[in-house]
Amino acid sequence: MSRSEQCREMVAKLSEYLDGELDDDLCSEVDDHLSDCVPCESLLDSLRRTIELVEELPAAPLPDDVRRRVREAYARFREDRG
């Protein structure tokens, strides 16, 4: 497998890696790749920082029309279920 193919495979796993959702073998595989791949390690660092920044954002209030539509959809859902 070429280096670019390895990187594509690792990039596809980074979200699960960050969320702690990979099994031990896959986690070790990602760790091994990151230890020897500066571009993928940089991407992982960027993803971590992006997550940190997003978590610091204040929660935006839900607009009234969206809140109304969600309530209506939930009511329809409950009616459909009996």
N, C-alpha and C. Protein backbone atom coordinates (compact mmCIF):
# COMPACT_ATOMS: atom_id res chain seq x y z
N MET A 1 0.86 -1.17 0.00
CA MET A 1 0.00 0.00 0.00
C MET A 1 0.90 1.23 0.00
N SER A 2 0.58 2.18 -0.85
CA SER A 2 1.40 3.39 -0.93
C SER A 2 1.16 4.27 0.30
N ARG A 3 2.07 5.21 0.50
CA ARG A 3 1.97 6.12 1.64
C ARG A 3 0.68 6.94 1.57
N SER A 4 0.33 7.42 0.38
CA SER A 4 -0.89 8.22 0.25
C SER A 4 -2.13 7.38 0.55
N GLU A 5 -2.12 6.11 0.17
CA GLU A 5 -3.24 5.22 0.50
C GLU A 5 -3.32 4.99 2.01
N GLN A 6 -2.16 4.83 2.64
CA GLN A 6 -2.13 4.67 4.09
C GLN A 6 -2.71 5.92 4.77
N CYS A 7 -2.30 7.08 4.29
CA CYS A 7 -2.79 8.34 4.87
C CYS A 7 -4.30 8.47 4.70
N ARG A 8 -4.81 8.15 3.52
CA ARG A 8 -6.26 8.22 3.30
C ARG A 8 -7.00 7.29 4.26
N GLU A 9 -6.44 6.11 4.46
CA GLU A 9 -7.05 5.15 5.38
C GLU A 9 -7.04 5.69 6.82
N MET A 10 -5.94 6.29 7.21
CA MET A 10 -5.83 6.84 8.57
C MET A 10 -6.76 8.03 8.76
N VAL A 11 -6.81 8.91 7.77
CA VAL A 11 -7.67 10.09 7.87
C VAL A 11 -9.13 9.66 8.06
N ALA A 12 -9.53 8.59 7.40
CA ALA A 12 -10.90 8.10 7.53
C ALA A 12 -11.20 7.61 8.94
N LYS A 13 -10.15 7.27 9.70
CA LYS A 13 -10.33 6.74 11.05
C LYS A 13 -10.12 7.78 12.15
N LEU A 14 -9.68 8.98 11.79
CA LEU A 14 -9.31 9.95 12.82
C LEU A 14 -10.45 10.38 13.72
N SER A 15 -11.64 10.52 13.19
CA SER A 15 -12.76 10.93 14.02
C SER A 15 -13.06 9.88 15.09
N GLU A 16 -13.11 8.63 14.67
CA GLU A 16 -13.33 7.54 15.63
C GLU A 16 -12.17 7.43 16.61
N TYR A 17 -10.97 7.70 16.12
CA TYR A 17 -9.78 7.68 16.97
C TYR A 17 -9.91 8.72 18.08
N LEU A 18 -10.28 9.93 17.69
CA LEU A 18 -10.43 11.01 18.68
C LEU A 18 -11.57 10.72 19.66
N ASP A 19 -12.60 10.06 19.20
CA ASP A 19 -13.75 9.75 20.05
C ASP A 19 -13.54 8.50 20.90
N GLY A 20 -12.39 7.84 20.74
CA GLY A 20 -12.11 6.63 21.51
C GLY A 20 -12.97 5.44 21.10
N GLU A 21 -13.37 5.41 19.83
CA GLU A 21 -14.27 4.36 19.35
C GLU A 21 -13.57 3.24 18.59
N LEU A 22 -12.26 3.33 18.43
CA LEU A 22 -11.53 2.27 17.72
C LEU A 22 -11.13 1.17 18.69
N ASP A 23 -11.12 -0.06 18.19
CA ASP A 23 -10.62 -1.14 19.05
C ASP A 23 -9.11 -0.97 19.22
N ASP A 24 -8.54 -1.71 20.13
CA ASP A 24 -7.13 -1.54 20.49
C ASP A 24 -6.19 -1.74 19.30
N ASP A 25 -6.49 -2.72 18.44
CA ASP A 25 -5.62 -2.98 17.29
C ASP A 25 -5.62 -1.80 16.32
N LEU A 26 -6.80 -1.29 16.01
CA LEU A 26 -6.87 -0.15 15.09
C LEU A 26 -6.27 1.10 15.71
N CYS A 27 -6.46 1.27 17.00
CA CYS A 27 -5.88 2.42 17.69
C CYS A 27 -4.35 2.35 17.61
N SER A 28 -3.80 1.19 17.81
CA SER A 28 -2.35 1.01 17.70
C SER A 28 -1.87 1.28 16.27
N GLU A 29 -2.67 0.85 15.31
CA GLU A 29 -2.33 1.08 13.90
C GLU A 29 -2.27 2.58 13.61
N VAL A 30 -3.25 3.31 14.10
CA VAL A 30 -3.27 4.76 13.90
C VAL A 30 -2.10 5.40 14.64
N ASP A 31 -1.84 4.98 15.87
CA ASP A 31 -0.71 5.51 16.64
C ASP A 31 0.61 5.30 15.89
N ASP A 32 0.79 4.10 15.36
CA ASP A 32 2.03 3.79 14.62
C ASP A 32 2.16 4.69 13.40
N HIS A 33 1.07 4.86 12.69
CA HIS A 33 1.11 5.71 11.50
C HIS A 33 1.43 7.15 11.88
N LEU A 34 0.76 7.66 12.90
CA LEU A 34 0.97 9.05 13.32
C LEU A 34 2.39 9.30 13.80
N SER A 35 3.01 8.29 14.39
CA SER A 35 4.37 8.47 14.89
C SER A 35 5.39 8.67 13.77
N ASP A 36 4.99 8.31 12.55
CA ASP A 36 5.91 8.38 11.42
C ASP A 36 5.37 9.23 10.26
N CYS A 37 4.29 9.99 10.51
CA CYS A 37 3.69 10.76 9.42
C CYS A 37 3.34 12.16 9.91
N VAL A 38 4.19 13.09 9.61
CA VAL A 38 4.00 14.47 10.06
C VAL A 38 2.71 15.08 9.51
N PRO A 39 2.37 14.90 8.23
CA PRO A 39 1.12 15.50 7.73
C PRO A 39 -0.13 14.98 8.46
N CYS A 40 -0.20 13.69 8.73
CA CYS A 40 -1.36 13.14 9.44
C CYS A 40 -1.37 13.60 10.89
N GLU A 41 -0.21 13.67 11.50
CA GLU A 41 -0.12 14.16 12.87
C GLU A 41 -0.57 15.63 12.94
N SER A 42 -0.19 16.41 11.95
CA SER A 42 -0.61 17.81 11.90
C SER A 42 -2.13 17.92 11.71
N LEU A 43 -2.68 17.07 10.88
CA LEU A 43 -4.12 17.06 10.68
C LEU A 43 -4.83 16.70 11.98
N LEU A 44 -4.33 15.71 12.69
CA LEU A 44 -4.93 15.33 13.96
C LEU A 44 -4.87 16.49 14.96
N ASP A 45 -3.74 17.17 15.03
CA ASP A 45 -3.62 18.34 15.91
C ASP A 45 -4.63 19.42 15.53
N SER A 46 -4.82 19.63 14.23
CA SER A 46 -5.79 20.63 13.77
C SER A 46 -7.22 20.22 14.14
N LEU A 47 -7.53 18.95 14.01
CA LEU A 47 -8.86 18.47 14.38
C LEU A 47 -9.09 18.65 15.89
N ARG A 48 -8.09 18.32 16.68
CA ARG A 48 -8.22 18.50 18.13
C ARG A 48 -8.46 19.97 18.48
N ARG A 49 -7.72 20.85 17.86
CA ARG A 49 -7.86 22.28 18.14
C ARG A 49 -9.23 22.78 17.67
N THR A 50 -9.69 22.31 16.54
CA THR A 50 -11.00 22.70 16.05
C THR A 50 -12.09 22.28 17.04
N ILE A 51 -11.99 21.06 17.54
CA ILE A 51 -12.95 20.57 18.52
C ILE A 51 -12.92 21.44 19.78
N GLU A 52 -11.73 21.77 20.25
CA GLU A 52 -11.60 22.63 21.43
C GLU A 52 -12.27 23.99 21.20
N LEU A 53 -12.03 24.58 20.04
CA LEU A 53 -12.61 25.89 19.73
C LEU A 53 -14.13 25.83 19.65
N VAL A 54 -14.65 24.80 19.02
CA VAL A 54 -16.10 24.67 18.89
C VAL A 54 -16.74 24.47 20.26
N GLU A 55 -16.08 23.69 21.11
CA GLU A 55 -16.64 23.46 22.45
C GLU A 55 -16.66 24.74 23.28
N GLU A 56 -15.83 25.71 22.96
CA GLU A 56 -15.79 26.97 23.70
C GLU A 56 -16.87 27.95 23.24
N LEU A 57 -17.48 27.69 22.08
CA LEU A 57 -18.51 28.59 21.57
C LEU A 57 -19.75 28.55 22.47
N PRO A 58 -20.35 29.70 22.68
CA PRO A 58 -21.61 29.70 23.45
C PRO A 58 -22.72 29.06 22.62
N ALA A 59 -23.62 28.42 23.30
CA ALA A 59 -24.75 27.80 22.61
C ALA A 59 -25.67 28.90 22.10
N ALA A 60 -26.04 28.79 20.85
CA ALA A 60 -26.94 29.77 20.25
C ALA A 60 -28.38 29.39 20.57
N PRO A 61 -29.22 30.37 20.86
CA PRO A 61 -30.62 30.04 21.13
C PRO A 61 -31.30 29.54 19.86
N LEU A 62 -32.23 28.63 20.04
CA LEU A 62 -32.97 28.07 18.93
C LEU A 62 -34.04 29.07 18.50
N PRO A 63 -34.07 29.45 17.22
CA PRO A 63 -35.10 30.40 16.75
C PRO A 63 -36.51 29.85 17.02
N ASP A 64 -37.43 30.75 17.29
CA ASP A 64 -38.80 30.35 17.63
C ASP A 64 -39.44 29.49 16.55
N ASP A 65 -39.24 29.81 15.28
CA ASP A 65 -39.87 29.03 14.21
C ASP A 65 -39.30 27.61 14.15
N VAL A 66 -38.03 27.46 14.42
CA VAL A 66 -37.44 26.12 14.44
C VAL A 66 -37.98 25.34 15.64
N ARG A 67 -38.05 25.98 16.79
CA ARG A 67 -38.58 25.34 17.99
C ARG A 67 -40.02 24.87 17.72
N ARG A 68 -40.84 25.70 17.07
CA ARG A 68 -42.22 25.34 16.77
C ARG A 68 -42.29 24.14 15.83
N ARG A 69 -41.44 24.15 14.78
CA ARG A 69 -41.45 23.04 13.81
C ARG A 69 -41.01 21.73 14.46
N VAL A 70 -40.04 21.80 15.36
CA VAL A 70 -39.59 20.58 16.05
C VAL A 70 -40.72 20.03 16.91
N ARG A 71 -41.40 20.91 17.64
CA ARG A 71 -42.52 20.47 18.47
C ARG A 71 -43.62 19.84 17.61
N GLU A 72 -43.93 20.46 16.48
CA GLU A 72 -44.95 19.92 15.58
C GLU A 72 -44.53 18.55 15.03
N ALA A 73 -43.27 18.42 14.64
CA ALA A 73 -42.78 17.15 14.11
C ALA A 73 -42.82 16.07 15.18
N TYR A 74 -42.48 16.43 16.40
CA TYR A 74 -42.52 15.47 17.50
C TYR A 74 -43.96 15.04 17.78
N ALA A 75 -44.88 15.99 17.74
CA ALA A 75 -46.29 15.66 17.96
C ALA A 75 -46.78 14.70 16.88
N ARG A 76 -46.41 14.95 15.61
CA ARG A 76 -46.80 14.05 14.52
C ARG A 76 -46.18 12.67 14.73
N PHE A 77 -44.93 12.64 15.15
CA PHE A 77 -44.25 11.37 15.41
C PHE A 77 -45.00 10.57 16.47
N ARG A 78 -45.39 11.23 17.55
CA ARG A 78 -46.10 10.53 18.64
C ARG A 78 -47.47 10.04 18.16
N GLU A 79 -48.15 10.85 17.35
CA GLU A 79 -49.46 10.43 16.83
C GLU A 79 -49.32 9.21 15.92
N ASP A 80 -48.26 9.21 15.08
CA ASP A 80 -48.05 8.10 14.16
C ASP A 80 -47.73 6.80 14.90
N ARG A 81 -47.13 6.92 16.07
CA ARG A 81 -46.75 5.72 16.84
C ARG A 81 -47.94 5.18 17.63
N GLY A 82 -49.03 5.90 17.63
CA GLY A 82 -50.22 5.38 18.27
C GLY A 82 -50.50 6.02 19.56
